[in-house]
PDB file of N, CA and C in Angstrom:
ATOM      1  N   MET A   1      -3.884   4.109 -12.610  1.00  0.00           N
ATOM      2  CA  MET A   1      -4.348   2.845 -13.004  1.00  0.00           C
ATOM      3  C   MET A   1      -5.003   2.124 -11.934  1.00  0.00           C
ATOM      4  N   GLU A   2      -6.187   1.961 -11.511  1.00  0.00           N
ATOM      5  CA  GLU A   2      -6.586   1.372 -10.437  1.00  0.00           C
ATOM      6  C   GLU A   2      -6.531  -0.344 -10.824  1.00  0.00           C
ATOM      7  N   LEU A   3      -5.825  -1.260  -9.770  1.00  0.00           N
ATOM      8  CA  LEU A   3      -5.453  -2.611 -10.089  1.00  0.00           C
ATOM      9  C   LEU A   3      -6.613  -3.528  -9.682  1.00  0.00           C
ATOM     10  N   SER A   4      -6.960  -4.480 -10.170  1.00  0.00           N
ATOM     11  CA  SER A   4      -7.863  -5.600  -9.472  1.00  0.00           C
ATOM     12  C   SER A   4      -7.199  -6.003  -8.579  1.00  0.00           C
ATOM     13  N   ALA A   5      -7.761  -6.888  -7.435  1.00  0.00           N
ATOM     14  CA  ALA A   5      -7.414  -7.722  -6.439  1.00  0.00           C
ATOM     15  C   ALA A   5      -6.387  -8.898  -6.817  1.00  0.00           C
ATOM     16  N   PHE A   6      -6.676  -9.359  -8.430  1.00  0.00           N
ATOM     17  CA  PHE A   6      -5.980 -10.528  -8.685  1.00  0.00           C
ATOM     18  C   PHE A   6      -4.704  -9.850  -9.415  1.00  0.00           C
ATOM     19  N   GLU A   7      -4.869  -8.591 -10.341  1.00  0.00           N
ATOM     20  CA  GLU A   7      -3.718  -8.039 -10.879  1.00  0.00           C
ATOM     21  C   GLU A   7      -2.663  -7.509  -9.549  1.00  0.00           C
ATOM     22  N   THR A   8      -3.105  -6.802  -8.789  1.00  0.00           N
ATOM     23  CA  THR A   8      -2.326  -6.861  -7.117  1.00  0.00           C
ATOM     24  C   THR A   8      -1.599  -7.754  -6.831  1.00  0.00           C
ATOM     25  N   GLY A   9      -2.241  -8.946  -6.604  1.00  0.00           N
ATOM     26  CA  GLY A   9      -1.613  -9.954  -6.456  1.00  0.00           C
ATOM     27  C   GLY A   9      -0.596 -10.701  -7.057  1.00  0.00           C
ATOM     28  N   VAL A  10      -0.758 -10.835  -8.439  1.00  0.00           N
ATOM     29  CA  VAL A  10       0.118 -10.877  -9.595  1.00  0.00           C
ATOM     30  C   VAL A  10       1.398 -10.234  -9.325  1.00  0.00           C
ATOM     31  N   PHE A  11       0.746  -8.824  -9.121  1.00  0.00           N
ATOM     32  CA  PHE A  11       2.034  -7.688  -9.430  1.00  0.00           C
ATOM     33  C   PHE A  11       3.231  -8.019  -7.981  1.00  0.00           C
ATOM     34  N   LEU A  12       2.328  -8.044  -7.015  1.00  0.00           N
ATOM     35  CA  LEU A  12       3.262  -8.346  -5.632  1.00  0.00           C
ATOM     36  C   LEU A  12       3.904  -9.673  -5.439  1.00  0.00           C
ATOM     37  N   GLY A  13       3.229 -10.739  -6.303  1.00  0.00           N
ATOM     38  CA  GLY A  13       3.927 -12.212  -6.441  1.00  0.00           C
ATOM     39  C   GLY A  13       5.083 -11.857  -7.013  1.00  0.00           C
ATOM     40  N   VAL A  14       5.250 -11.158  -8.216  1.00  0.00           N
ATOM     41  CA  VAL A  14       6.144 -11.160  -9.188  1.00  0.00           C
ATOM     42  C   VAL A  14       7.523 -10.541  -8.138  1.00  0.00           C
ATOM     43  N   LEU A  15       6.801  -9.183  -7.846  1.00  0.00           N
ATOM     44  CA  LEU A  15       8.278  -8.195  -6.839  1.00  0.00           C
ATOM     45  C   LEU A  15       8.554  -9.205  -5.887  1.00  0.00           C
ATOM     46  N   ILE A  16       7.784 -10.008  -4.960  1.00  0.00           N
ATOM     47  CA  ILE A  16       8.498 -11.096  -3.874  1.00  0.00           C
ATOM     48  C   ILE A  16       9.262 -12.139  -4.551  1.00  0.00           C
ATOM     49  N   GLY A  17       8.942 -12.636  -5.525  1.00  0.00           N
ATOM     50  CA  GLY A  17       9.693 -13.974  -5.953  1.00  0.00           C
ATOM     51  C   GLY A  17      10.568 -13.183  -6.777  1.00  0.00           C
ATOM     52  N   GLU A  18      10.794 -12.591  -7.502  1.00  0.00           N
ATOM     53  CA  GLU A  18      11.760 -12.180  -8.596  1.00  0.00           C
ATOM     54  C   GLU A  18      12.502 -10.704  -8.385  1.00  0.00           C
ATOM     55  N   GLY A  19      11.712 -10.214  -7.543  1.00  0.00           N
ATOM     56  CA  GLY A  19      12.283  -8.634  -7.207  1.00  0.00           C
ATOM     57  C   GLY A  19      13.703  -8.416  -6.857  1.00  0.00           C
ATOM     58  N   HIS A  20      14.604  -7.510  -6.873  1.00  0.00           N
ATOM     59  CA  HIS A  20      15.576  -7.313  -5.971  1.00  0.00           C
ATOM     60  C   HIS A  20      15.455  -5.545  -5.691  1.00  0.00           C
ATOM     61  N   PHE A  21      15.480  -5.525  -4.161  1.00  0.00           N
ATOM     62  CA  PHE A  21      15.473  -4.492  -3.551  1.00  0.00           C
ATOM     63  C   PHE A  21      16.822  -3.637  -2.972  1.00  0.00           C
ATOM     64  N   GLY A  22      17.052  -2.600  -3.736  1.00  0.00           N
ATOM     65  CA  GLY A  22      18.187  -2.316  -3.519  1.00  0.00           C
ATOM     66  C   GLY A  22      18.462  -0.872  -3.984  1.00  0.00           C
ATOM     67  N   GLY A  23      19.653  -0.551  -4.448  1.00  0.00           N
ATOM     68  CA  GLY A  23      19.695   0.735  -5.245  1.00  0.00           C
ATOM     69  C   GLY A  23      21.157   0.568  -5.815  1.00  0.00           C
ATOM     70  N   ASP A  24      21.711   2.132  -6.280  1.00  0.00           N
ATOM     71  CA  ASP A  24      22.917   2.400  -6.839  1.00  0.00           C
ATOM     72  C   ASP A  24      23.824   2.999  -6.087  1.00  0.00           C
ATOM     73  N   GLY A  25      23.472   3.282  -5.142  1.00  0.00           N
ATOM     74  CA  GLY A  25      24.100   3.788  -4.032  1.00  0.00           C
ATOM     75  C   GLY A  25      23.662   5.266  -3.897  1.00  0.00           C
ATOM     76  N   LYS A  26      23.010   5.894  -4.883  1.00  0.00           N
ATOM     77  CA  LYS A  26      22.543   7.165  -4.948  1.00  0.00           C
ATOM     78  C   LYS A  26      20.988   7.448  -4.681  1.00  0.00           C
ATOM     79  N   GLN A  27      20.325   5.989  -5.418  1.00  0.00           N
ATOM     80  CA  GLN A  27      18.586   6.071  -4.745  1.00  0.00           C
ATOM     81  C   GLN A  27      18.398   4.572  -5.073  1.00  0.00           C
ATOM     82  N   PRO A  28      17.055   4.714  -4.415  1.00  0.00           N
ATOM     83  CA  PRO A  28      16.802   3.098  -4.241  1.00  0.00           C
ATOM     84  C   PRO A  28      16.177   2.656  -5.335  1.00  0.00           C
ATOM     85  N   GLN A  29      15.884   1.427  -5.811  1.00  0.00           N
ATOM     86  CA  GLN A  29      15.402   1.070  -6.744  1.00  0.00           C
ATOM     87  C   GLN A  29      14.539  -0.265  -6.418  1.00  0.00           C
ATOM     88  N   VAL A  30      13.676  -0.883  -7.241  1.00  0.00           N
ATOM     89  CA  VAL A  30      13.417  -2.270  -7.168  1.00  0.00           C
ATOM     90  C   VAL A  30      13.660  -2.767  -8.776  1.00  0.00           C
ATOM     91  N   THR A  31      14.093  -4.123  -8.740  1.00  0.00           N
ATOM     92  CA  THR A  31      14.596  -4.295 -10.205  1.00  0.00           C
ATOM     93  C   THR A  31      14.030  -5.744 -10.335  1.00  0.00           C
ATOM     94  N   VAL A  32      13.690  -6.141 -11.309  1.00  0.00           N
ATOM     95  CA  VAL A  32      13.040  -7.384 -11.964  1.00  0.00           C
ATOM     96  C   VAL A  32      13.724  -7.679 -12.948  1.00  0.00           C
ATOM     97  N   ARG A  33      14.447  -9.085 -12.902  1.00  0.00           N
ATOM     98  CA  ARG A  33      15.484  -9.345 -14.292  1.00  0.00           C
ATOM     99  C   ARG A  33      14.949 -10.824 -14.480  1.00  0.00           C
ATOM    100  N   MET A  34      14.340 -10.872 -15.860  1.00  0.00           N
ATOM    101  CA  MET A  34      13.938 -12.082 -16.166  1.00  0.00           C
ATOM    102  C   MET A  34      14.001 -12.438 -17.759  1.00  0.00           C
ATOM    103  N   HIS A  35      14.109 -13.625 -18.113  1.00  0.00           N
ATOM    104  CA  HIS A  35      14.226 -14.258 -19.545  1.00  0.00           C
ATOM    105  C   HIS A  35      13.333 -13.265 -20.642  1.00  0.00           C
ATOM    106  N   LEU A  36      13.672 -13.377 -21.792  1.00  0.00           N
ATOM    107  CA  LEU A  36      12.887 -12.538 -22.820  1.00  0.00           C
ATOM    108  C   LEU A  36      11.620 -13.263 -22.973  1.00  0.00           C
ATOM    109  N   ARG A  37      11.387 -14.575 -22.701  1.00  0.00           N
ATOM    110  CA  ARG A  37      10.148 -14.931 -22.708  1.00  0.00           C
ATOM    111  C   ARG A  37       9.116 -14.771 -21.826  1.00  0.00           C
ATOM    112  N   HIS A  38       9.553 -13.528 -20.821  1.00  0.00           N
ATOM    113  CA  HIS A  38       8.714 -13.197 -19.986  1.00  0.00           C
ATOM    114  C   HIS A  38       8.129 -11.806 -20.383  1.00  0.00           C
ATOM    115  N   GLU A  39       8.328 -11.355 -21.938  1.00  0.00           N
ATOM    116  CA  GLU A  39       7.927 -10.012 -22.180  1.00  0.00           C
ATOM    117  C   GLU A  39       6.931  -9.658 -22.161  1.00  0.00           C
ATOM    118  N   ARG A  40       5.886 -10.381 -22.169  1.00  0.00           N
ATOM    119  CA  ARG A  40       4.394 -10.050 -21.882  1.00  0.00           C
ATOM    120  C   ARG A  40       4.213  -9.628 -20.452  1.00  0.00           C
ATOM    121  N   LEU A  41       4.634 -10.576 -19.504  1.00  0.00           N
ATOM    122  CA  LEU A  41       4.788 -10.072 -18.180  1.00  0.00           C
ATOM    123  C   LEU A  41       5.185  -8.669 -17.718  1.00  0.00           C
ATOM    124  N   PHE A  42       6.325  -8.505 -18.539  1.00  0.00           N
ATOM    125  CA  PHE A  42       6.973  -7.221 -18.275  1.00  0.00           C
ATOM    126  C   PHE A  42       6.107  -5.629 -18.868  1.00  0.00           C
ATOM    127  N   GLY A  43       5.494  -6.180 -19.910  1.00  0.00           N
ATOM    128  CA  GLY A  43       4.298  -5.470 -20.316  1.00  0.00           C
ATOM    129  C   GLY A  43       3.518  -5.034 -19.502  1.00  0.00           C
ATOM    130  N   ARG A  44       2.754  -6.085 -18.630  1.00  0.00           N
ATOM    131  CA  ARG A  44       1.838  -5.935 -17.516  1.00  0.00           C
ATOM    132  C   ARG A  44       2.802  -5.089 -16.602  1.00  0.00           C
ATOM    133  N   LEU A  45       3.577  -5.263 -16.047  1.00  0.00           N
ATOM    134  CA  LEU A  45       4.380  -4.399 -15.067  1.00  0.00           C
ATOM    135  C   LEU A  45       4.412  -2.848 -15.467  1.00  0.00           C
ATOM    136  N   LEU A  46       4.813  -2.727 -16.639  1.00  0.00           N
ATOM    137  CA  LEU A  46       4.947  -1.264 -17.167  1.00  0.00           C
ATOM    138  C   LEU A  46       3.113  -0.816 -16.843  1.00  0.00           C
ATOM    139  N   ALA A  47       2.335  -1.393 -17.449  1.00  0.00           N
ATOM    140  CA  ALA A  47       0.974  -1.072 -17.116  1.00  0.00           C
ATOM    141  C   ALA A  47       0.530  -0.930 -15.741  1.00  0.00           C
ATOM    142  N   TRP A  48       1.044  -1.824 -14.718  1.00  0.00           N
ATOM    143  CA  TRP A  48       0.528  -1.602 -13.599  1.00  0.00           C
ATOM    144  C   TRP A  48       1.078  -0.477 -12.602  1.00  0.00           C
ATOM    145  N   CYS A  49       2.533  -0.356 -13.228  1.00  0.00           N
ATOM    146  CA  CYS A  49       3.367   0.643 -12.295  1.00  0.00           C
ATOM    147  C   CYS A  49       4.058   1.434 -13.430  1.00  0.00           C
ATOM    148  N   PRO A  50       2.758   2.711 -13.948  1.00  0.00           N
ATOM    149  CA  PRO A  50       3.294   3.592 -14.772  1.00  0.00           C
ATOM    150  C   PRO A  50       4.333   4.743 -14.117  1.00  0.00           C
ATOM    151  N   GLY A  51       5.195   4.850 -14.742  1.00  0.00           N
ATOM    152  CA  GLY A  51       6.417   5.710 -14.719  1.00  0.00           C
ATOM    153  C   GLY A  51       7.765   4.711 -14.335  1.00  0.00           C
ATOM    154  N   SER A  52       7.463   3.207 -14.372  1.00  0.00           N
ATOM    155  CA  SER A  52       8.826   2.511 -14.267  1.00  0.00           C
ATOM    156  C   SER A  52       9.103   2.297 -15.574  1.00  0.00           C
ATOM    157  N   ARG A  53      10.451   1.577 -15.931  1.00  0.00           N
ATOM    158  CA  ARG A  53      11.097   1.482 -17.159  1.00  0.00           C
ATOM    159  C   ARG A  53      11.336   0.132 -17.113  1.00  0.00           C
ATOM    160  N   LEU A  54      11.486  -0.128 -18.439  1.00  0.00           N
ATOM    161  CA  LEU A  54      12.156  -1.599 -19.050  1.00  0.00           C
ATOM    162  C   LEU A  54      13.272  -1.388 -19.994  1.00  0.00           C
ATOM    163  N   TYR A  55      14.230  -1.890 -19.617  1.00  0.00           N
ATOM    164  CA  TYR A  55      15.288  -2.020 -20.113  1.00  0.00           C
ATOM    165  C   TYR A  55      15.988  -3.258 -20.707  1.00  0.00           C
ATOM    166  N   GLY A  56      16.428  -3.244 -21.889  1.00  0.00           N
ATOM    167  CA  GLY A  56      17.020  -4.388 -22.455  1.00  0.00           C
ATOM    168  C   GLY A  56      16.277  -4.529 -24.113  1.00  0.00           C
ATOM    169  N   PRO A  57      16.668  -5.869 -24.701  1.00  0.00           N
ATOM    170  CA  PRO A  57      16.862  -6.651 -24.562  1.00  0.00           C
ATOM    171  C   PRO A  57      18.577  -6.912 -24.011  1.00  0.00           C
ATOM    172  N   TYR A  58      18.998  -7.465 -23.256  1.00  0.00           N
ATOM    173  CA  TYR A  58      20.284  -7.799 -23.153  1.00  0.00           C
ATOM    174  C   TYR A  58      20.577  -9.112 -23.406  1.00  0.00           C
ATOM    175  N   HIS A  59      22.091  -9.232 -24.041  1.00  0.00           N
ATOM    176  CA  HIS A  59      22.485 -10.820 -24.318  1.00  0.00           C
ATOM    177  C   HIS A  59      23.713 -10.820 -23.953  1.00  0.00           C
ATOM    178  N   HIS A  60      24.345 -11.365 -22.888  1.00  0.00           N
ATOM    179  CA  HIS A  60      25.563 -11.599 -22.644  1.00  0.00           C
ATOM    180  C   HIS A  60      25.600 -12.958 -21.556  1.00  0.00           C
ATOM    181  N   GLY A  61      26.760 -13.566 -21.748  1.00  0.00           N
ATOM    182  CA  GLY A  61      26.877 -14.647 -20.468  1.00  0.00           C
ATOM    183  C   GLY A  61      26.253 -15.913 -20.774  1.00  0.00           C
ATOM    184  N   GLY A  62      25.538 -15.924 -22.208  1.00  0.00           N
ATOM    185  CA  GLY A  62      24.768 -17.077 -22.573  1.00  0.00           C
ATOM    186  C   GLY A  62      23.306 -16.609 -22.024  1.00  0.00           C
ATOM    187  N   ARG A  63      23.045 -15.756 -21.710  1.00  0.00           N
ATOM    188  CA  ARG A  63      21.765 -15.037 -21.164  1.00  0.00           C
ATOM    189  C   ARG A  63      21.095 -13.929 -21.902  1.00  0.00           C
ATOM    190  N   SER A  64      19.778 -14.066 -21.983  1.00  0.00           N
ATOM    191  CA  SER A  64      19.005 -13.230 -22.567  1.00  0.00           C
ATOM    192  C   SER A  64      17.905 -12.534 -21.919  1.00  0.00           C
ATOM    193  N   TYR A  65      17.978 -11.502 -21.467  1.00  0.00           N
ATOM    194  CA  TYR A  65      17.005 -11.126 -20.392  1.00  0.00           C
ATOM    195  C   TYR A  65      16.473  -9.582 -20.764  1.00  0.00           C
ATOM    196  N   PHE A  66      15.278  -9.051 -19.652  1.00  0.00           N
ATOM    197  CA  PHE A  66      14.965  -7.599 -19.982  1.00  0.00           C
ATOM    198  C   PHE A  66      15.063  -7.490 -18.330  1.00  0.00           C
ATOM    199  N   GLN A  67      15.300  -6.051 -18.063  1.00  0.00           N
ATOM    200  CA  GLN A  67      15.385  -5.726 -16.675  1.00  0.00           C
ATOM    201  C   GLN A  67      14.155  -4.521 -16.489  1.00  0.00           C
ATOM    202  N   TRP A  68      12.995  -4.637 -15.471  1.00  0.00           N
ATOM    203  CA  TRP A  68      12.269  -3.943 -15.128  1.00  0.00           C
ATOM    204  C   TRP A  68      12.822  -2.883 -13.926  1.00  0.00           C
ATOM    205  N   MET A  69      12.734  -1.599 -13.906  1.00  0.00           N
ATOM    206  CA  MET A  69      13.279  -1.197 -12.625  1.00  0.00           C
ATOM    207  C   MET A  69      11.921   0.349 -12.498  1.00  0.00           C
ATOM    208  N   ALA A  70      11.784   0.308 -10.985  1.00  0.00           N
ATOM    209  CA  ALA A  70      11.043   1.436 -10.564  1.00  0.00           C
ATOM    210  C   ALA A  70      12.015   2.027  -9.483  1.00  0.00           C
ATOM    211  N   ARG A  71      12.063   3.337  -9.726  1.00  0.00           N
ATOM    212  CA  ARG A  71      12.613   4.328  -8.766  1.00  0.00           C
ATOM    213  C   ARG A  71      12.298   5.429  -8.560  1.00  0.00           C
ATOM    214  N   GLY A  72      12.689   6.467  -8.011  1.00  0.00           N
ATOM    215  CA  GLY A  72      12.410   7.802  -7.883  1.00  0.00           C
ATOM    216  C   GLY A  72      10.728   7.770  -7.348  1.00  0.00           C
ATOM    217  N   ASP A  73       9.913   8.855  -8.079  1.00  0.00           N
ATOM    218  CA  ASP A  73       8.894   8.969  -7.347  1.00  0.00           C
ATOM    219  C   ASP A  73       7.847   7.897  -7.694  1.00  0.00           C
ATOM    220  N   VAL A  74       7.992   6.958  -8.707  1.00  0.00           N
ATOM    221  CA  VAL A  74       6.937   5.530  -8.514  1.00  0.00           C
ATOM    222  C   VAL A  74       7.333   4.842  -7.878  1.00  0.00           C
ATOM    223  N   LEU A  75       8.932   4.668  -7.124  1.00  0.00           N
ATOM    224  CA  LEU A  75       8.974   3.781  -6.159  1.00  0.00           C
ATOM    225  C   LEU A  75       8.159   4.408  -4.804  1.00  0.00           C
ATOM    226  N   ARG A  76       8.827   5.658  -4.384  1.00  0.00           N
ATOM    227  CA  ARG A  76       7.751   6.362  -3.296  1.00  0.00           C
ATOM    228  C   ARG A  76       6.647   6.390  -3.159  1.00  0.00           C
ATOM    229  N   GLU A  77       5.744   6.641  -4.200  1.00  0.00           N
ATOM    230  CA  GLU A  77       4.448   6.897  -4.503  1.00  0.00           C
ATOM    231  C   GLU A  77       3.665   5.904  -4.615  1.00  0.00           C
ATOM    232  N   ARG A  78       4.272   4.996  -5.626  1.00  0.00           N
ATOM    233  CA  ARG A  78       3.398   3.791  -5.848  1.00  0.00           C
ATOM    234  C   ARG A  78       3.541   2.434  -5.326  1.00  0.00           C
ATOM    235  N   LEU A  79       4.885   2.024  -5.211  1.00  0.00           N
ATOM    236  CA  LEU A  79       5.254   0.814  -4.809  1.00  0.00           C
ATOM    237  C   LEU A  79       5.640   0.492  -3.096  1.00  0.00           C
ATOM    238  N   LEU A  80       6.140   1.789  -2.437  1.00  0.00           N
ATOM    239  CA  LEU A  80       6.152   1.840  -1.246  1.00  0.00           C
ATOM    240  C   LEU A  80       4.950   1.386  -0.462  1.00  0.00           C
ATOM    241  N   PRO A  81       4.070   2.339  -0.697  1.00  0.00           N
ATOM    242  CA  PRO A  81       2.465   2.162  -0.130  1.00  0.00           C
ATOM    243  C   PRO A  81       1.703   0.668  -0.253  1.00  0.00           C
ATOM    244  N   LEU A  82       2.303   0.354  -1.583  1.00  0.00           N
ATOM    245  CA  LEU A  82       1.919  -0.997  -1.896  1.00  0.00           C
ATOM    246  C   LEU A  82       2.154  -2.250  -1.007  1.00  0.00           C
ATOM    247  N   LEU A  83       4.018  -2.260  -0.970  1.00  0.00           N
ATOM    248  CA  LEU A  83       4.399  -3.420  -0.444  1.00  0.00           C
ATOM    249  C   LEU A  83       4.285  -3.076   1.194  1.00  0.00           C
ATOM    250  N   ASP A  84       4.215  -2.020   1.768  1.00  0.00           N
ATOM    251  CA  ASP A  84       3.899  -1.723   3.329  1.00  0.00           C
ATOM    252  C   ASP A  84       2.605  -2.052   3.560  1.00  0.00           C
ATOM    253  N   THR A  85       1.482  -2.306   2.567  1.00  0.00           N
ATOM    254  CA  THR A  85       0.564  -3.107   3.101  1.00  0.00           C
ATOM    255  C   THR A  85       0.496  -4.741   3.373  1.00  0.00           C
ATOM    256  N   LEU A  86       1.916  -5.147   2.931  1.00  0.00           N
ATOM    257  CA  LEU A  86       1.781  -6.670   3.241  1.00  0.00           C
ATOM    258  C   LEU A  86       2.515  -7.237   4.451  1.00  0.00           C
ATOM    259  N   SER A  87       2.575  -8.462   4.992  1.00  0.00           N
ATOM    260  CA  SER A  87       3.082  -8.812   5.822  1.00  0.00           C
ATOM    261  C   SER A  87       4.248  -9.673   5.196  1.00  0.00           C
ATOM    262  N   LEU A  88       5.207  -8.670   4.942  1.00  0.00           N
ATOM    263  CA  LEU A  88       6.363  -9.376   4.168  1.00  0.00           C
ATOM    264  C   LEU A  88       7.142 -10.237   5.194  1.00  0.00           C
ATOM    265  N   GLU A  89       7.184  -9.863   6.685  1.00  0.00           N
ATOM    266  CA  GLU A  89       8.321 -10.837   7.404  1.00  0.00           C
ATOM    267  C   GLU A  89       7.398 -12.306   7.526  1.00  0.00           C
ATOM    268  N   GLU A  90       6.298 -12.282   7.428  1.00  0.00           N
ATOM    269  CA  GLU A  90       5.661 -13.585   7.431  1.00  0.00           C
ATOM    270  C   GLU A  90       5.859 -14.332   5.943  1.00  0.00           C
ATOM    271  N   ILE A  91       5.464 -13.733   4.789  1.00  0.00           N
ATOM    272  CA  ILE A  91       5.299 -14.058   3.745  1.00  0.00           C
ATOM    273  C   ILE A  91       7.058 -14.748   3.145  1.00  0.00           C
ATOM    274  N   ASP A  92       7.925 -13.723   3.334  1.00  0.00           N
ATOM    275  CA  ASP A  92       9.043 -14.205   2.931  1.00  0.00           C
ATOM    276  C   ASP A  92      10.295 -13.411   3.679  1.00  0.00           C
ATOM    277  N   GLU A  93      10.753 -14.013   4.777  1.00  0.00           N
ATOM    278  CA  GLU A  93      12.038 -13.196   5.627  1.00  0.00           C
ATOM    279  C   GLU A  93      13.208 -12.541   4.734  1.00  0.00           C
ATOM    280  N   HIS A  94      13.500 -12.982   3.878  1.00  0.00           N
ATOM    281  CA  HIS A  94      14.863 -12.614   3.193  1.00  0.00           C
ATOM    282  C   HIS A  94      14.445 -11.627   2.391  1.00  0.00           C
ATOM    283  N   VAL A  95      12.871 -11.684   1.620  1.00  0.00           N
ATOM    284  CA  VAL A  95      12.902 -10.503   0.920  1.00  0.00           C
ATOM    285  C   VAL A  95      12.473  -9.238   1.941  1.00  0.00           C
ATOM    286  N   PHE A  96      11.828  -9.602   3.044  1.00  0.00           N
ATOM    287  CA  PHE A  96      11.459  -8.716   4.241  1.00  0.00           C
ATOM    288  C   PHE A  96      12.927  -7.912   4.510  1.00  0.00           C
ATOM    289  N   GLU A  97      14.015  -8.692   4.965  1.00  0.00           N
ATOM    290  CA  GLU A  97      15.285  -8.019   5.240  1.00  0.00           C
ATOM    291  C   GLU A  97      15.977  -7.240   4.050  1.00  0.00           C
ATOM    292  N   ARG A  98      15.623  -7.461   2.832  1.00  0.00           N
ATOM    293  CA  ARG A  98      16.295  -6.958   1.793  1.00  0.00           C
ATOM    294  C   ARG A  98      15.406  -5.576   1.472  1.00  0.00           C
ATOM    295  N   TYR A  99      14.165  -5.605   1.705  1.00  0.00           N
ATOM    296  CA  TYR A  99      13.093  -4.461   1.562  1.00  0.00           C
ATOM    297  C   TYR A  99      13.637  -3.460   2.784  1.00  0.00           C
ATOM    298  N   GLN A 100      13.517  -3.889   3.909  1.00  0.00           N
ATOM    299  CA  GLN A 100      13.819  -3.116   5.042  1.00  0.00           C
ATOM    300  C   GLN A 100      15.254  -2.194   4.877  1.00  0.00           C
ATOM    301  N   ALA A 101      16.164  -3.254   4.642  1.00  0.00           N
ATOM    302  CA  ALA A 101      17.481  -2.848   4.551  1.00  0.00           C
ATOM    303  C   ALA A 101      17.417  -1.515   3.492  1.00  0.00           C
ATOM    304  N   MET A 102      17.010  -1.841   2.188  1.00  0.00           N
ATOM    305  CA  MET A 102      16.888  -0.923   1.172  1.00  0.00           C
ATOM    306  C   MET A 102      16.028   0.503   1.993  1.00  0.00           C
ATOM    307  N   LYS A 103      15.175   0.465   2.636  1.00  0.00           N
ATOM    308  CA  LYS A 103      14.315   1.622   3.043  1.00  0.00           C
ATOM    309  C   LYS A 103      15.341   1.949   4.001  1.00  0.00           C
ATOM    310  N   VAL A 104      16.174   1.560   4.857  1.00  0.00           N
ATOM    311  CA  VAL A 104      17.323   2.215   5.892  1.00  0.00           C
ATOM    312  C   VAL A 104      18.016   2.701   5.122  1.00  0.00           C
ATOM    313  N   LYS A 105      18.886   2.285   4.168  1.00  0.00           N
ATOM    314  CA  LYS A 105      19.837   2.817   3.456  1.00  0.00           C
ATOM    315  C   LYS A 105      19.417   3.988   2.781  1.00  0.00           C
ATOM    316  N   TYR A 106      18.410   4.167   2.089  1.00  0.00           N
ATOM    317  CA  TYR A 106      17.894   5.104   1.242  1.00  0.00           C
ATOM    318  C   TYR A 106      16.820   6.112   2.057  1.00  0.00           C
ATOM    319  N   GLY A 107      16.856   6.133   3.340  1.00  0.00           N
ATOM    320  CA  GLY A 107      16.020   6.763   4.113  1.00  0.00           C
ATOM    321  C   GLY A 107      14.370   6.982   3.701  1.00  0.00           C
ATOM    322  N   LEU A 108      13.762   5.786   3.447  1.00  0.00           N
ATOM    323  CA  LEU A 108      12.615   5.900   2.965  1.00  0.00           C
ATOM    324  C   LEU A 108      11.609   5.447   4.129  1.00  0.00           C
TER     325      LEU A 108
END
């Protein structure tokens, strides 16, 4: 799916603002966890990033949320090239550091 400039901006904005860049010790992953009220947005993330997964809903600790995840081929072939086009260091230093740490730890 080819994204419009607007869709790309929203997608990257969600990843920068809500994304976690890390892994499970075996493989890298980008995760977005948000309240159930954002279900429609999660549907867009799935459409914009085919091969990503949505888990949940989860209910515990007084919270109810979904968790979107991209790993494996979709991470390497779809997300990394897109994220690498950004000047993350200039946009958000913390996100840049987490993203770089994930890439180093998992040899990306």
